[in-house]
Structure formats: C-alpha cells, structure tokens
N, C-alpha and C. Protein backbone atom coordinates (compact mmCIF):
# COMPACT_ATOMS: atom_id res chain seq x y z
N MET A 1 77.78 43.95 -139.14
CA MET A 1 78.14 42.73 -139.92
C MET A 1 79.76 41.44 -139.34
N ALA A 2 78.72 40.62 -139.33
CA ALA A 2 79.91 39.37 -138.97
C ALA A 2 81.18 39.33 -139.45
N GLN A 3 82.24 38.69 -138.91
CA GLN A 3 83.40 38.81 -138.81
C GLN A 3 84.39 37.61 -138.38
N GLY A 4 85.13 37.05 -138.83
CA GLY A 4 86.26 36.83 -138.37
C GLY A 4 85.41 34.93 -137.83
N ALA A 5 85.97 35.06 -136.38
CA ALA A 5 85.51 33.96 -135.80
C ALA A 5 83.92 33.60 -135.91
N LEU A 6 83.11 34.63 -135.79
CA LEU A 6 81.57 34.34 -135.83
C LEU A 6 81.08 34.17 -137.17
N LEU A 7 81.58 34.46 -138.06
CA LEU A 7 81.17 33.91 -139.38
C LEU A 7 81.71 32.63 -139.79
N ASN A 8 82.63 32.03 -139.26
CA ASN A 8 83.06 30.84 -139.50
C ASN A 8 82.15 29.98 -138.54
N THR A 9 81.98 30.39 -137.32
CA THR A 9 80.86 29.67 -136.68
C THR A 9 79.43 29.42 -137.41
N TYR A 10 78.77 30.54 -137.96
CA TYR A 10 77.86 30.43 -138.88
C TYR A 10 77.94 29.38 -140.16
N ALA A 11 79.15 29.91 -140.76
CA ALA A 11 79.16 28.30 -141.70
C ALA A 11 79.28 27.16 -141.25
N PHE A 12 79.76 26.73 -140.26
CA PHE A 12 79.89 25.50 -139.66
C PHE A 12 78.91 25.02 -139.52
N LEU A 13 77.85 25.94 -138.70
CA LEU A 13 76.57 25.44 -138.10
C LEU A 13 75.52 25.25 -139.54
N PHE A 14 75.62 26.19 -140.50
CA PHE A 14 74.84 26.14 -141.78
C PHE A 14 75.72 24.79 -142.32
N MET A 15 76.97 24.37 -142.56
CA MET A 15 77.18 23.58 -143.13
C MET A 15 76.64 22.07 -142.55
N PHE A 16 76.81 21.80 -141.01
CA PHE A 16 76.18 20.70 -140.41
C PHE A 16 74.85 20.78 -140.48
N ALA A 17 73.77 21.54 -140.28
CA ALA A 17 72.44 21.54 -140.75
C ALA A 17 71.96 21.14 -142.12
N PHE A 18 73.19 21.32 -142.83
CA PHE A 18 72.40 21.19 -144.48
C PHE A 18 73.04 19.58 -144.68
N GLY A 19 74.15 19.32 -144.39
CA GLY A 19 74.51 17.65 -144.29
C GLY A 19 73.60 16.82 -143.30
N PHE A 20 72.79 17.52 -142.52
CA PHE A 20 72.08 16.47 -141.14
C PHE A 20 70.80 16.08 -142.19
N LEU A 21 70.49 17.46 -142.53
CA LEU A 21 68.97 17.34 -143.19
C LEU A 21 68.88 16.57 -144.68
N ILE A 22 70.15 16.38 -145.15
CA ILE A 22 70.23 15.81 -146.48
C ILE A 22 70.21 14.60 -146.16
N SER A 23 71.31 14.04 -145.27
CA SER A 23 71.74 12.74 -145.15
C SER A 23 71.21 11.84 -144.12
N GLY A 24 69.92 12.10 -143.27
CA GLY A 24 70.00 12.18 -142.24
C GLY A 24 69.12 10.27 -142.18
N LYS A 25 69.66 9.52 -140.99
CA LYS A 25 68.50 7.93 -141.21
C LYS A 25 67.35 8.08 -141.08
N ARG A 26 67.03 8.74 -140.34
CA ARG A 26 65.35 8.77 -140.54
C ARG A 26 65.01 10.17 -141.09
N PRO A 27 64.64 10.21 -142.27
CA PRO A 27 64.72 11.69 -143.03
C PRO A 27 63.44 12.43 -142.34
N ILE A 28 63.69 13.51 -141.89
CA ILE A 28 62.07 14.42 -141.68
C ILE A 28 61.95 15.08 -143.06
N LEU A 29 62.83 15.18 -143.82
CA LEU A 29 62.06 16.37 -144.94
C LEU A 29 62.06 15.13 -146.02
N LYS A 30 61.03 15.68 -146.69
CA LYS A 30 60.76 14.81 -148.15
C LYS A 30 61.74 15.01 -149.49
N LEU A 31 61.48 14.62 -150.13
CA LEU A 31 63.18 14.21 -151.08
C LEU A 31 62.72 15.62 -152.01
N SER A 32 61.62 15.94 -152.30
CA SER A 32 61.01 17.46 -152.81
C SER A 32 61.93 18.88 -152.14
N THR A 33 61.85 18.51 -150.98
CA THR A 33 62.07 19.76 -149.86
C THR A 33 63.83 19.85 -150.00
N ARG A 34 64.21 18.49 -149.71
CA ARG A 34 65.86 18.12 -149.99
C ARG A 34 66.30 18.84 -151.03
N ALA A 35 65.77 18.59 -152.41
CA ALA A 35 65.97 19.37 -153.69
C ALA A 35 65.93 20.83 -153.58
N LEU A 36 64.63 21.25 -152.63
CA LEU A 36 65.13 22.71 -152.54
C LEU A 36 66.14 23.15 -151.61
N LEU A 37 67.06 22.46 -150.77
CA LEU A 37 67.42 22.88 -150.02
C LEU A 37 68.98 23.19 -150.78
N VAL A 38 69.12 21.82 -151.61
CA VAL A 38 70.16 21.90 -152.69
C VAL A 38 70.11 22.93 -153.34
N VAL A 39 69.31 23.46 -153.99
CA VAL A 39 69.15 24.50 -154.67
C VAL A 39 69.15 26.09 -153.95
N LEU A 40 68.68 25.84 -152.49
CA LEU A 40 68.91 27.18 -151.70
C LEU A 40 70.35 27.14 -151.71
N PHE A 41 70.91 26.13 -151.35
CA PHE A 41 72.86 26.23 -151.13
C PHE A 41 73.78 26.47 -152.06
N GLY A 42 73.01 26.22 -153.28
CA GLY A 42 73.72 26.81 -154.80
C GLY A 42 73.38 28.16 -154.81
N ALA A 43 72.39 28.61 -154.48
CA ALA A 43 72.02 30.30 -154.11
C ALA A 43 72.43 30.83 -153.08
N VAL A 44 73.29 30.54 -152.09
CA VAL A 44 73.69 30.99 -150.97
C VAL A 44 75.23 31.18 -151.89
N LEU A 45 75.49 29.86 -152.04
CA LEU A 45 77.06 29.93 -152.46
C LEU A 45 77.24 31.17 -153.90
N SER A 46 75.83 31.18 -154.92
CA SER A 46 76.15 32.09 -155.62
C SER A 46 76.28 33.60 -155.00
N TYR A 47 75.37 34.09 -153.85
CA TYR A 47 74.93 35.08 -153.27
C TYR A 47 76.57 35.57 -152.68
N ALA A 48 77.30 34.37 -152.26
CA ALA A 48 78.82 35.19 -151.51
C ALA A 48 79.60 34.96 -152.73
N LEU A 49 79.53 34.23 -153.79
CA LEU A 49 80.72 34.69 -154.92
C LEU A 49 80.24 35.91 -155.99
N THR A 50 79.76 36.37 -156.01
CA THR A 50 79.24 37.57 -157.17
C THR A 50 79.05 38.77 -156.17
N GLU A 51 79.93 38.79 -155.40
CA GLU A 51 79.87 40.09 -154.24
C GLU A 51 80.36 41.65 -155.17
N THR A 52 80.90 41.25 -156.20
CA THR A 52 80.92 42.45 -157.07
C THR A 52 80.35 42.57 -158.82
N SER A 53 79.30 41.77 -158.55
CA SER A 53 78.66 41.34 -159.97
C SER A 53 77.44 41.89 -159.87
N PRO A 54 76.86 42.76 -161.01
CA PRO A 54 75.35 43.39 -160.86
C PRO A 54 74.62 42.61 -160.98
N TRP A 55 74.65 41.22 -160.87
CA TRP A 55 73.29 40.44 -160.02
C TRP A 55 73.13 40.48 -158.90
N HIS A 56 74.63 40.54 -158.15
CA HIS A 56 74.73 40.32 -156.96
C HIS A 56 73.02 40.84 -156.20
N MET A 57 72.49 41.76 -156.26
CA MET A 57 70.97 41.87 -155.83
C MET A 57 69.91 41.40 -156.12
N LEU A 58 70.03 41.08 -156.87
CA LEU A 58 68.79 39.86 -157.53
C LEU A 58 68.95 38.33 -157.22
N ILE A 59 70.44 38.36 -157.09
CA ILE A 59 70.63 36.62 -156.98
C ILE A 59 70.16 37.00 -154.94
N GLY A 60 70.48 38.42 -154.01
CA GLY A 60 70.30 37.92 -153.16
C GLY A 60 68.89 37.89 -152.72
N ILE A 61 67.61 38.80 -153.55
CA ILE A 61 66.27 38.78 -153.63
C ILE A 61 65.90 37.02 -153.73
N ALA A 62 66.63 36.36 -155.12
CA ALA A 62 65.99 34.66 -154.75
C ALA A 62 66.40 34.21 -153.87
N THR A 63 67.68 34.04 -153.20
CA THR A 63 68.14 33.52 -152.08
C THR A 63 67.28 33.78 -150.82
N GLY A 64 66.57 34.89 -150.75
CA GLY A 64 65.50 35.04 -149.49
C GLY A 64 64.56 34.53 -149.98
N ILE A 65 63.86 34.64 -151.29
CA ILE A 65 62.73 34.08 -151.30
C ILE A 65 62.45 32.64 -151.45
N LEU A 66 63.67 31.56 -151.76
CA LEU A 66 64.05 30.59 -151.86
C LEU A 66 63.88 30.02 -150.37
N ASN A 67 64.38 30.66 -149.14
CA ASN A 67 65.14 30.69 -148.05
C ASN A 67 63.71 30.48 -147.67
N CYS A 68 62.56 31.65 -147.75
CA CYS A 68 61.18 31.77 -146.80
C CYS A 68 60.34 30.15 -147.75
N LEU A 69 60.49 29.90 -148.94
CA LEU A 69 60.13 28.80 -149.34
C LEU A 69 60.09 27.52 -148.41
N PHE A 70 61.76 27.30 -148.57
CA PHE A 70 62.09 26.11 -147.96
C PHE A 70 61.83 26.08 -146.47
N VAL A 71 61.48 27.17 -145.61
CA VAL A 71 61.32 26.93 -144.63
C VAL A 71 59.50 26.68 -144.39
N ALA A 72 59.00 27.10 -145.43
CA ALA A 72 57.40 26.71 -145.36
C ALA A 72 57.35 25.01 -145.49
N PHE A 73 58.02 25.11 -146.32
CA PHE A 73 58.12 23.27 -147.20
C PHE A 73 58.64 22.90 -145.89
N ALA A 74 59.79 23.13 -145.10
CA ALA A 74 60.54 22.43 -144.07
C ALA A 74 59.00 22.18 -142.74
N ILE A 75 58.74 23.30 -142.29
CA ILE A 75 57.52 23.09 -141.51
C ILE A 75 56.46 22.34 -141.93
N ILE A 76 55.90 22.12 -143.18
CA ILE A 76 54.80 21.27 -143.50
C ILE A 76 55.33 19.72 -143.59
N ASP A 77 56.38 19.72 -143.79
CA ASP A 77 57.35 18.13 -144.06
C ASP A 77 57.25 17.94 -142.40
N TYR A 78 57.46 18.50 -141.74
CA TYR A 78 58.06 18.47 -140.08
C TYR A 78 56.58 18.09 -139.60
N ARG A 79 55.75 18.72 -139.85
CA ARG A 79 54.49 18.44 -139.15
C ARG A 79 53.83 17.29 -139.79
N ALA A 80 54.17 16.88 -141.12
CA ALA A 80 53.64 15.45 -141.20
C ALA A 80 54.33 14.67 -140.77
N TRP A 81 55.44 14.86 -140.27
CA TRP A 81 56.69 13.36 -140.51
C TRP A 81 56.19 13.37 -138.62
N HIS A 82 55.97 14.61 -138.05
CA HIS A 82 55.19 14.32 -136.44
C HIS A 82 53.54 13.47 -136.17
N ARG A 83 53.08 14.09 -136.90
CA ARG A 83 51.80 13.37 -136.96
C ARG A 83 51.96 11.97 -137.46
N GLY A 84 52.89 11.62 -138.57
CA GLY A 84 53.20 10.14 -138.63
C GLY A 84 53.59 9.48 -137.70
N ARG A 85 54.65 9.89 -136.82
CA ARG A 85 55.06 9.19 -135.40
C ARG A 85 53.99 9.17 -134.66
N LYS A 86 53.11 9.86 -134.58
CA LYS A 86 51.96 9.63 -133.25
C LYS A 86 50.97 9.11 -133.50
N ASN A 87 51.04 8.25 -134.93
CA ASN A 87 49.86 7.43 -135.55
C ASN A 87 50.67 6.45 -136.42
N PRO A 88 51.78 5.51 -136.16
CA PRO A 88 52.55 4.66 -136.94
C PRO A 88 51.55 3.77 -137.39
N SER A 89 50.25 3.51 -137.32
CA SER A 89 49.69 2.54 -137.65
C SER A 89 48.82 2.58 -139.26
N GLY A 90 48.86 3.92 -139.21
CA GLY A 90 48.42 4.79 -140.58
C GLY A 90 47.50 5.54 -140.34
N PRO A 91 47.12 6.04 -141.69
CA PRO A 91 46.02 6.90 -141.38
C PRO A 91 44.66 6.58 -140.82
C-alpha cells in the first residue's frame, strides 16, 4: 500500500487531472462525461472517508464500476474529439 509522500503525489496528480478535465479551455470531455467525473470524485471521497463503515466495501465496488464507466466514456469522447479535429469542416 502506498504511504506518505507517494500517496500525496497520487492525490496531487488526481486533483490536477480532475481540475484539467473539468475546466479545460478546449474541452475534450462532453458535459455528461464531466458530470460522471464529478460523481466518481464523490465516490472516491466517500470511499476514503468511510474506512470503518460497513458500507466501505460496497462503496469501493461502486467506485470501481464508476471508474471503468468513466474510462469508457472518456475514450469515446476523446475519439470523437480527435475525429472532429481531423475534419474541422464538418461530417
């Protein structure tokens, strides 16, 4: 398990990526994917804060599912954004 400075680095990178994806000037992610990212962030915080709760394992499973769903949506949005950049005149 990660501890100390390594954990702080992971937290910083996660917060940086979260802020970049939510408030980018040229957004790669669509609004629905950004909303899912905010929900995922809430689930991660819930998981971190409920360590002694009986719901901890269930929240962890839900967070893992949300993470997989977010990655799938982000890949779809990125591919659509990338195609749009290749063909700026339209479909």
